[in-house]
Amino acid sequence: MNKQQSKNYALPIAMMFALFAMISFVTGFSNPFGVIVKNQFQASNFMSQLGTFANFIAYAFMGIPSGLLLKRIGYKKTALAAIIVGFAGVGIMFLSGIFQSFEVYLTGAFVAGFSMCMLNTVVNPMLNTLGGGGKKGNQLIQFGGSINSLSATIVPVLIGYLIGNIAQATIDKANPALFIALGIFALAFITLLLVRIPEPHAEIIGESKQKDKYSPLSFRHFILGAIAIFIYVGVEVGIPNFINLFMTSTDKGALGMDTTVAGAVVGTYWFLMMIGRILGGVLGGKVAPKTMLTVVATLAALLVAIAIFVPVTTTINMPVFKSDISFGFTNVPLSIFLFVLCGLCTSVMWGGIFNLAVEGLGKKYTAMGSGIFMVMVCGGGILPLIQGQFADMFNYISSYWVIFAGCAYMLFFALVGSKNVNKDIPVE
């Protein structure tokens, strides 16, 4: 990409970064809301994850339609439609506080999930395309992901501060955060309406509608990559969700800590994801996605395994990202600190998996491949449910064996599953 092209693409790239931030801000509600509904509705650990499930299972319904929508109406119109849906979803979540209804909250989370799916379908292939694929494409996705993590850092810290005492935690306490989300959606809609977005797949929209005997699912490495995305999102979400539950709950040997402190610890996980994605963006142009994914999957598996076996009584003064946008220290079990450090690893996994999985698909299959990927993001709702069941059956720390297994699969994909063995399929 020459300097002129970079200059022309600066505004679209900035817009994609902004949409990345919106995705994490709204998706991030499910973490602290899990703590809220567990207290407000006396829910089990399994039920506390139903909001996360509702948010992510929407991807299973909307992933393929999003890919088709992207191919039919383009990036800009798809993103605008997603923003409208997202505004409605957050609005329903606000109504759940007025009606004090768990069911209304789940409905809002489900509708918001449709929006997040549509936005993800736009953002990832767009950044990969603007970067020219390969290392540069991965680099842009990592930089976009760092903005995503900055936004995600704010949510648990903000809502933890808003709800304060866990014994008095209710959905309506989080209203200021919901109002911020509604404002972001409104501003983004107006801005995107005025911004010109390149449509790299427009040239193939009008091609023959003759049925193609191939699809993204014809590529073995894409199928294995889609499974890796399913697992990855569950790992990324499950780690902080159960840190929060372990720190704020009082059952099964949990710590019963203040939600403000727990929110700061969880916020630090997302902050480390931001740092990791910035580093990933810097290194993305020099380090192959396969190498990057291999290293972080290995390190994450080691951190989780050590954390499971370290006694909870072993503690450490951990630096945390606080609600007043400063750093401080809080004493936590060493296992919690090790789980938080996993944020450095999960930070670059999405970009690496996406890049490896769509490599070799060409323009012909990338848009639909992105839609299929969005279906698999539902893993972010399903794996935490499984982890919640493990927590109910055993304890919070033991539930992290689910996370360990996920890291092991991603290592397999990096080392073996990412190789394209279907190079004979025409993609142009």
Protein backbone atom coordinates (compact mmCIF):
# COMPACT_ATOMS: atom_id res chain seq x y z
CA MET A 1 0.00 0.00 0.00
CA ASN A 2 1.61 3.32 -1.07
CA LYS A 3 1.41 6.64 0.80
CA GLN A 4 -1.40 7.96 -1.36
CA GLN A 5 -3.51 4.90 -0.70
CA SER A 6 -2.80 5.12 3.02
CA LYS A 7 -3.93 8.75 3.03
CA ASN A 8 -7.12 7.89 1.17
CA TYR A 9 -7.88 5.02 3.54
CA ALA A 10 -7.14 6.90 6.79
CA LEU A 11 -10.75 7.98 7.38
CA PRO A 12 -12.33 4.57 6.63
CA ILE A 13 -9.76 2.91 8.90
CA ALA A 14 -10.57 5.39 11.68
CA MET A 15 -14.27 4.66 11.25
CA MET A 16 -13.65 0.91 11.50
CA PHE A 17 -11.65 1.50 14.69
CA ALA A 18 -14.60 3.46 16.13
CA LEU A 19 -16.97 0.61 15.29
CA PHE A 20 -14.54 -1.81 16.96
CA ALA A 21 -14.84 0.29 20.15
CA MET A 22 -18.64 0.19 19.99
CA ILE A 23 -18.64 -3.60 19.73
CA SER A 24 -16.66 -4.08 22.93
CA PHE A 25 -18.46 -1.37 24.92
CA VAL A 26 -21.89 -2.96 24.41
CA THR A 27 -20.66 -6.57 24.55
CA GLY A 28 -18.81 -5.73 27.78
CA PHE A 29 -22.10 -5.17 29.62
CA SER A 30 -22.61 -8.94 29.95
CA ASN A 31 -19.67 -9.32 32.36
CA PRO A 32 -20.75 -6.98 35.21
CA PHE A 33 -24.42 -7.65 34.47
CA GLY A 34 -23.73 -11.31 35.28
CA VAL A 35 -22.78 -10.21 38.79
CA ILE A 36 -25.86 -7.98 39.01
CA VAL A 37 -28.41 -10.60 37.96
CA LYS A 38 -26.82 -13.24 40.20
CA ASN A 39 -27.50 -10.94 43.16
CA GLN A 40 -30.79 -9.37 42.05
CA PHE A 41 -32.48 -12.59 40.93
CA GLN A 42 -30.57 -15.10 43.15
CA ALA A 43 -29.32 -16.86 40.03
CA SER A 44 -26.85 -19.75 39.86
CA ASN A 45 -23.47 -19.35 38.17
CA PHE A 46 -24.97 -21.08 35.12
CA MET A 47 -27.91 -18.65 34.98
CA SER A 48 -25.66 -15.64 35.56
CA GLN A 49 -24.10 -16.38 32.17
CA LEU A 50 -27.42 -16.38 30.29
CA GLY A 51 -27.00 -12.69 29.42
CA THR A 52 -23.65 -13.51 27.83
CA PHE A 53 -25.30 -16.50 26.13
CA ALA A 54 -28.16 -14.35 24.79
CA ASN A 55 -25.69 -11.76 23.48
CA PHE A 56 -23.49 -14.27 21.69
CA ILE A 57 -26.07 -16.83 20.55
CA ALA A 58 -27.47 -14.03 18.37
CA TYR A 59 -24.34 -14.53 16.26
CA ALA A 60 -25.51 -18.05 15.43
CA PHE A 61 -28.71 -16.62 13.96
CA MET A 62 -27.23 -13.53 12.31
CA GLY A 63 -23.79 -14.64 11.14
CA ILE A 64 -24.76 -16.00 7.71
CA PRO A 65 -27.40 -13.29 7.05
CA SER A 66 -24.76 -10.69 7.94
CA GLY A 67 -22.40 -12.11 5.34
CA LEU A 68 -25.17 -12.11 2.73
CA LEU A 69 -26.18 -8.58 3.73
CA LEU A 70 -22.59 -7.42 3.43
CA LYS A 71 -22.34 -8.89 -0.06
CA ARG A 72 -25.71 -7.46 -1.15
CA ILE A 73 -25.73 -3.89 0.26
CA GLY A 74 -22.08 -3.28 1.14
CA TYR A 75 -20.14 -2.27 4.25
CA LYS A 76 -21.65 1.14 4.95
CA LYS A 77 -25.35 0.23 4.77
CA THR A 78 -24.73 -2.95 6.78
CA ALA A 79 -22.98 -0.93 9.50
CA LEU A 80 -25.77 1.69 9.58
CA ALA A 81 -28.40 -1.04 9.95
CA ALA A 82 -26.33 -2.60 12.73
CA ILE A 83 -26.19 0.69 14.65
CA ILE A 84 -30.00 1.03 14.52
CA VAL A 85 -30.41 -2.52 15.84
CA GLY A 86 -27.82 -1.87 18.56
CA PHE A 87 -29.64 1.27 19.70
CA ALA A 88 -32.82 -0.80 20.05
CA GLY A 89 -31.02 -3.55 21.99
CA VAL A 90 -29.49 -1.18 24.54
CA GLY A 91 -32.85 0.57 24.83
CA ILE A 92 -34.50 -2.72 25.78
CA MET A 93 -31.77 -3.34 28.37
CA PHE A 94 -32.59 0.05 29.86
CA LEU A 95 -36.28 -0.95 30.05
CA SER A 96 -35.27 -4.10 31.96
CA GLY A 97 -34.10 -1.83 34.78
CA ILE A 98 -37.45 -0.03 34.83
CA PHE A 99 -39.45 -3.27 34.87
CA GLN A 100 -36.90 -5.11 37.05
CA SER A 101 -37.20 -8.01 34.62
CA PHE A 102 -34.54 -10.64 33.93
CA GLU A 103 -36.44 -11.72 30.80
CA VAL A 104 -36.47 -8.18 29.36
CA TYR A 105 -32.72 -7.91 30.06
CA LEU A 106 -32.09 -11.17 28.18
CA THR A 107 -34.18 -9.87 25.25
CA GLY A 108 -32.11 -6.69 25.13
CA ALA A 109 -28.86 -8.66 25.26
CA PHE A 110 -30.12 -10.87 22.40
CA VAL A 111 -31.08 -7.89 20.19
CA ALA A 112 -27.78 -6.14 20.97
CA GLY A 113 -26.01 -9.34 19.92
CA PHE A 114 -27.55 -9.06 16.43
CA SER A 115 -25.99 -5.61 16.13
CA MET A 116 -22.57 -6.70 17.36
CA CYS A 117 -22.59 -9.59 14.88
CA MET A 118 -23.38 -7.27 11.96
CA LEU A 119 -20.67 -4.80 13.01
CA ASN A 120 -18.07 -7.55 13.39
CA THR A 121 -18.96 -8.83 9.91
CA VAL A 122 -18.12 -5.38 8.55
CA VAL A 123 -15.07 -4.44 10.60
CA ASN A 124 -12.81 -7.49 10.33
CA PRO A 125 -12.79 -8.10 6.55
CA MET A 126 -12.73 -4.33 5.95
CA LEU A 127 -9.57 -3.82 8.01
CA ASN A 128 -7.98 -6.96 6.56
CA THR A 129 -8.75 -5.70 3.02
CA LEU A 130 -7.56 -2.13 3.67
CA GLY A 131 -4.32 -3.59 4.97
CA GLY A 132 -3.90 -5.75 1.88
CA GLY A 133 -4.24 -9.05 3.77
CA GLY A 134 -1.27 -10.97 5.18
CA LYS A 135 0.86 -9.33 7.86
CA LYS A 136 -0.44 -5.81 7.15
CA GLY A 137 -4.05 -6.96 7.31
CA ASN A 138 -3.35 -8.68 10.62
CA GLN A 139 -1.59 -5.51 11.83
CA LEU A 140 -4.65 -3.32 11.21
CA ILE A 141 -6.94 -5.84 12.92
CA GLN A 142 -4.61 -5.83 15.95
CA PHE A 143 -4.59 -2.01 16.14
CA GLY A 144 -8.38 -2.00 15.81
CA GLY A 145 -8.50 -4.62 18.53
CA SER A 146 -6.48 -2.36 20.85
CA ILE A 147 -9.21 0.29 20.54
CA ASN A 148 -11.72 -2.49 21.19
CA SER A 149 -9.89 -3.43 24.39
CA LEU A 150 -9.65 0.18 25.60
CA SER A 151 -13.42 0.41 25.37
CA ALA A 152 -13.80 -2.98 27.09
CA THR A 153 -11.51 -1.82 29.90
CA ILE A 154 -13.87 1.00 30.80
CA VAL A 155 -17.08 -1.05 31.09
CA PRO A 156 -16.40 -3.31 34.13
CA VAL A 157 -14.61 -0.50 35.96
CA LEU A 158 -17.47 1.94 35.30
CA ILE A 159 -20.31 -0.45 36.17
CA GLY A 160 -18.43 -1.84 39.18
CA TYR A 161 -18.19 1.74 40.44
CA LEU A 162 -21.87 2.41 39.69
CA ILE A 163 -23.27 -0.62 41.51
CA GLY A 164 -20.91 -0.33 44.50
CA ASN A 165 -22.18 -2.70 47.20
CA ILE A 166 -22.97 -6.13 45.73
CA ALA A 167 -25.85 -6.58 48.18
CA GLN A 168 -27.60 -3.60 46.56
CA ALA A 169 -26.68 -4.36 42.93
CA THR A 170 -29.62 -3.91 40.53
CA ILE A 171 -29.87 -3.41 36.78
CA ASP A 172 -31.06 0.20 37.04
CA LYS A 173 -27.82 1.15 38.82
CA ALA A 174 -26.05 0.68 35.47
CA ASN A 175 -28.28 3.18 33.63
CA PRO A 176 -25.53 5.83 33.16
CA ALA A 177 -23.45 3.29 31.22
CA LEU A 178 -26.47 2.42 29.06
CA PHE A 179 -27.05 6.13 28.33
CA ILE A 180 -23.42 6.44 27.22
CA ALA A 181 -23.92 3.50 24.85
CA LEU A 182 -27.06 5.06 23.38
CA GLY A 183 -25.17 8.32 22.83
CA ILE A 184 -22.29 6.51 21.12
CA PHE A 185 -24.70 4.75 18.78
CA ALA A 186 -26.42 8.01 17.84
CA LEU A 187 -23.12 9.81 17.20
CA ALA A 188 -21.69 6.89 15.22
CA PHE A 189 -24.76 6.72 13.01
CA ILE A 190 -24.51 10.40 12.08
CA THR A 191 -20.75 10.20 11.50
CA LEU A 192 -20.90 7.02 9.41
CA LEU A 193 -23.72 8.49 7.33
CA LEU A 194 -21.35 11.30 6.28
CA VAL A 195 -18.22 9.17 5.74
CA ARG A 196 -17.39 7.54 2.43
CA ILE A 197 -16.51 3.87 2.87
CA PRO A 198 -14.74 1.82 0.16
CA GLU A 199 -16.68 -1.25 -1.00
CA PRO A 200 -13.94 -3.73 -2.00
CA HIS A 201 -16.42 -6.50 -2.80
CA ALA A 202 -18.75 -4.34 -4.90
CA GLU A 203 -17.07 -5.45 -8.11
CA ILE A 204 -18.22 -9.05 -7.64
CA ILE A 205 -21.78 -8.34 -6.47
CA GLY A 206 -23.14 -8.19 -9.99
CA GLU A 207 -21.44 -11.34 -11.19
CA SER A 208 -23.32 -14.42 -12.37
CA LYS A 209 -25.63 -15.91 -9.79
CA GLN A 210 -24.78 -19.40 -11.01
CA LYS A 211 -24.42 -21.73 -8.04
CA ASP A 212 -20.81 -22.24 -7.06
CA LYS A 213 -19.84 -25.80 -6.19
CA TYR A 214 -17.37 -24.43 -3.64
CA SER A 215 -17.76 -22.29 -0.51
CA PRO A 216 -15.57 -21.22 2.41
CA LEU A 217 -16.48 -24.58 3.98
CA SER A 218 -14.63 -26.29 1.12
CA PHE A 219 -11.38 -25.20 2.80
CA ARG A 220 -10.23 -27.42 5.67
CA HIS A 221 -8.19 -24.66 7.32
CA PHE A 222 -11.21 -22.36 7.28
CA ILE A 223 -13.40 -24.96 9.03
CA LEU A 224 -10.76 -25.53 11.71
CA GLY A 225 -10.31 -21.76 12.01
CA ALA A 226 -14.06 -21.26 12.49
CA ILE A 227 -13.94 -23.78 15.35
CA ALA A 228 -10.95 -21.90 16.76
CA ILE A 229 -12.95 -18.66 16.71
CA PHE A 230 -15.84 -20.42 18.51
CA ILE A 231 -13.44 -21.52 21.24
CA TYR A 232 -11.43 -18.30 21.32
CA VAL A 233 -14.40 -16.03 22.01
CA GLY A 234 -15.51 -18.36 24.82
CA VAL A 235 -12.01 -18.22 26.30
CA GLU A 236 -11.75 -14.45 25.99
CA VAL A 237 -15.13 -13.93 27.69
CA GLY A 238 -14.93 -16.77 30.21
CA ILE A 239 -11.67 -15.66 31.82
CA PRO A 240 -12.89 -12.23 33.05
CA ASN A 241 -16.48 -13.35 33.69
CA PHE A 242 -15.40 -15.92 36.25
CA ILE A 243 -12.74 -13.68 37.75
CA ASN A 244 -15.59 -11.29 38.52
CA LEU A 245 -17.86 -14.01 39.91
CA PHE A 246 -15.07 -15.59 41.99
CA MET A 247 -14.13 -12.25 43.52
CA THR A 248 -17.67 -10.99 44.29
CA SER A 249 -19.53 -14.21 45.20
CA THR A 250 -19.57 -15.82 48.63
CA ASP A 251 -20.26 -19.45 47.67
CA LYS A 252 -17.84 -22.28 46.82
CA GLY A 253 -14.88 -20.62 48.53
CA ALA A 254 -15.24 -17.35 46.62
CA LEU A 255 -13.77 -14.13 47.99
CA GLY A 256 -16.84 -11.91 48.56
CA MET A 257 -14.95 -8.75 47.59
CA ASP A 258 -16.39 -5.33 46.75
CA THR A 259 -17.65 -4.96 43.18
CA THR A 260 -15.60 -1.80 42.66
CA VAL A 261 -12.38 -3.69 43.40
CA ALA A 262 -13.46 -6.67 41.29
CA GLY A 263 -14.38 -4.34 38.43
CA ALA A 264 -10.93 -2.80 38.60
CA VAL A 265 -9.30 -6.24 38.40
CA VAL A 266 -11.46 -7.28 35.45
CA GLY A 267 -10.83 -3.90 33.81
CA THR A 268 -7.11 -4.60 34.10
CA TYR A 269 -7.59 -7.83 32.10
CA TRP A 270 -9.12 -5.78 29.26
CA PHE A 271 -6.43 -3.12 29.69
CA LEU A 272 -3.76 -5.79 29.19
CA MET A 273 -5.64 -6.91 26.09
CA MET A 274 -5.33 -3.36 24.80
CA ILE A 275 -1.59 -3.33 25.51
CA GLY A 276 -1.22 -6.72 23.84
CA ARG A 277 -3.08 -5.58 20.75
CA ILE A 278 -0.96 -2.45 20.47
CA LEU A 279 2.15 -4.63 20.65
CA GLY A 280 0.52 -7.06 18.22
CA GLY A 281 -0.16 -4.19 15.85
CA VAL A 282 3.46 -3.04 16.04
CA LEU A 283 4.79 -6.57 15.56
CA GLY A 284 2.06 -7.64 13.13
CA GLY A 285 3.94 -6.27 10.14
CA LYS A 286 7.05 -8.26 11.12
CA VAL A 287 5.81 -11.46 12.75
CA ALA A 288 3.76 -14.07 10.90
CA PRO A 289 0.25 -14.66 12.30
CA LYS A 290 1.05 -18.37 12.73
CA THR A 291 4.06 -17.63 14.90
CA MET A 292 2.17 -15.06 16.95
CA LEU A 293 -0.77 -17.40 17.60
CA THR A 294 1.54 -20.30 18.50
CA VAL A 295 3.37 -18.25 21.12
CA VAL A 296 0.31 -16.73 22.81
CA ALA A 297 -1.72 -19.98 22.84
CA THR A 298 1.21 -21.78 24.50
CA LEU A 299 1.73 -19.04 27.07
CA ALA A 300 -2.00 -18.80 27.88
CA ALA A 301 -2.23 -22.56 28.45
CA LEU A 302 0.76 -22.42 30.81
CA LEU A 303 -0.64 -19.45 32.78
CA VAL A 304 -4.04 -21.13 33.22
CA ALA A 305 -2.52 -24.47 34.24
CA ILE A 306 -0.28 -22.83 36.86
CA ALA A 307 -3.17 -20.71 38.16
CA ILE A 308 -5.35 -23.79 38.66
CA PHE A 309 -2.73 -25.49 40.85
CA VAL A 310 -1.55 -22.46 42.85
CA PRO A 311 -3.21 -22.36 46.32
CA VAL A 312 -5.82 -19.59 46.63
CA THR A 313 -4.12 -18.57 49.88
CA THR A 314 -1.05 -17.46 47.92
CA THR A 315 -1.60 -13.76 47.26
CA ILE A 316 0.08 -10.88 45.46
CA ASN A 317 -0.29 -7.09 45.36
CA MET A 318 -1.56 -6.65 41.83
CA PRO A 319 -1.53 -3.34 39.92
CA VAL A 320 -5.06 -2.51 38.76
CA PHE A 321 -6.75 0.01 36.46
CA LYS A 322 -9.05 2.04 38.76
CA SER A 323 -12.31 3.95 38.15
CA ASP A 324 -10.57 7.33 38.40
CA ILE A 325 -8.39 6.39 35.39
CA SER A 326 -5.32 5.75 37.54
CA PHE A 327 -3.37 2.75 38.76
CA GLY A 328 -3.29 1.35 42.26
CA PHE A 329 -2.61 -1.96 44.00
CA THR A 330 -4.99 -4.54 45.42
CA ASN A 331 -4.21 -7.82 47.15
CA VAL A 332 -5.57 -10.81 45.20
CA PRO A 333 -4.81 -14.54 44.96
CA LEU A 334 -1.88 -15.25 42.66
CA SER A 335 -4.21 -17.39 40.53
CA ILE A 336 -6.37 -14.32 39.79
CA PHE A 337 -3.27 -12.38 38.75
CA LEU A 338 -2.23 -15.19 36.39
CA PHE A 339 -5.71 -15.30 34.84
CA VAL A 340 -5.57 -11.53 34.31
CA LEU A 341 -2.18 -11.87 32.60
CA CYS A 342 -3.90 -14.09 30.02
CA GLY A 343 -5.28 -10.83 28.60
CA LEU A 344 -1.88 -10.25 26.99
CA CYS A 345 -2.33 -13.58 25.18
CA THR A 346 -6.00 -13.42 24.20
CA SER A 347 -5.41 -9.92 22.86
CA VAL A 348 -3.95 -11.04 19.53
CA MET A 349 -5.69 -14.39 19.07
CA TRP A 350 -8.72 -13.10 17.15
CA GLY A 351 -6.65 -11.32 14.49
CA GLY A 352 -4.29 -14.25 14.11
CA ILE A 353 -7.06 -16.83 13.77
CA PHE A 354 -9.09 -14.68 11.37
CA ASN A 355 -6.07 -13.94 9.19
CA LEU A 356 -4.96 -17.58 9.02
CA ALA A 357 -8.47 -18.89 8.40
CA VAL A 358 -9.32 -16.57 5.46
CA GLU A 359 -5.85 -16.71 3.91
CA GLY A 360 -6.23 -18.13 0.41
CA LEU A 361 -10.02 -17.62 0.22
CA GLY A 362 -9.69 -14.57 -2.05
CA LYS A 363 -12.41 -11.99 -2.69
CA LYS A 364 -14.73 -14.72 -3.88
CA TYR A 365 -15.17 -16.38 -0.48
CA THR A 366 -13.91 -13.91 2.15
CA ALA A 367 -17.20 -12.02 2.64
CA MET A 368 -19.22 -15.20 3.17
CA GLY A 369 -16.39 -16.61 5.26
CA SER A 370 -16.66 -13.60 7.56
CA GLY A 371 -20.38 -14.30 7.97
CA ILE A 372 -19.67 -17.92 8.94
CA PHE A 373 -17.08 -16.67 11.40
CA MET A 374 -19.75 -14.52 13.00
CA VAL A 375 -21.92 -17.60 13.51
CA MET A 376 -19.08 -19.19 15.45
CA VAL A 377 -18.75 -16.19 17.74
CA CYS A 378 -21.70 -17.76 19.59
CA GLY A 379 -18.99 -19.70 21.41
CA GLY A 380 -18.69 -16.60 23.57
CA GLY A 381 -22.09 -17.50 25.01
CA ILE A 382 -21.85 -21.29 25.01
CA LEU A 383 -18.42 -21.87 26.58
CA PRO A 384 -19.15 -19.59 29.59
CA LEU A 385 -22.33 -21.61 30.18
CA ILE A 386 -20.23 -24.79 30.22
CA GLN A 387 -17.73 -23.10 32.50
CA GLY A 388 -20.60 -21.95 34.74
CA GLN A 389 -21.81 -25.53 35.00
CA PHE A 390 -18.29 -26.61 36.02
CA ALA A 391 -18.27 -23.85 38.64
CA ASP A 392 -21.61 -25.03 40.02
CA MET A 393 -20.46 -28.67 40.09
CA PHE A 394 -16.95 -28.07 41.46
CA ASN A 395 -15.64 -24.55 42.13
CA TYR A 396 -14.60 -21.38 40.32
CA ILE A 397 -10.92 -22.25 39.90
CA SER A 398 -11.63 -25.77 38.60
CA SER A 399 -13.90 -24.26 35.94
CA TYR A 400 -10.78 -22.91 34.24
CA TRP A 401 -10.00 -26.38 32.87
CA VAL A 402 -12.52 -25.40 30.18
CA ILE A 403 -10.26 -22.43 29.36
CA PHE A 404 -7.15 -24.64 29.31
CA ALA A 405 -8.75 -27.03 26.81
CA GLY A 406 -9.65 -24.06 24.60
CA CYS A 407 -6.07 -22.78 24.60
CA ALA A 408 -4.81 -26.26 23.66
CA TYR A 409 -7.10 -26.35 20.61
CA MET A 410 -5.95 -22.92 19.44
CA LEU A 411 -2.36 -24.12 19.68
CA PHE A 412 -3.31 -27.11 17.50
CA PHE A 413 -4.87 -24.78 14.92
CA ALA A 414 -1.78 -22.58 14.80
CA LEU A 415 0.63 -25.49 14.39
CA VAL A 416 -1.37 -27.89 12.22
CA GLY A 417 -4.89 -26.79 11.33
CA SER A 418 -4.04 -23.46 9.69
CA LYS A 419 -2.30 -25.00 6.66
CA ASN A 420 -4.26 -24.51 3.41
CA VAL A 421 -4.52 -27.96 1.84
CA ASN A 422 -7.13 -26.88 -0.73
CA LYS A 423 -5.07 -24.64 -3.00
CA ASP A 424 -6.62 -26.27 -6.07
CA ILE A 425 -9.93 -24.46 -5.49
CA PRO A 426 -10.23 -21.31 -7.71
CA VAL A 427 -10.80 -18.18 -5.62
CA GLU A 428 -10.76 -15.40 -8.22
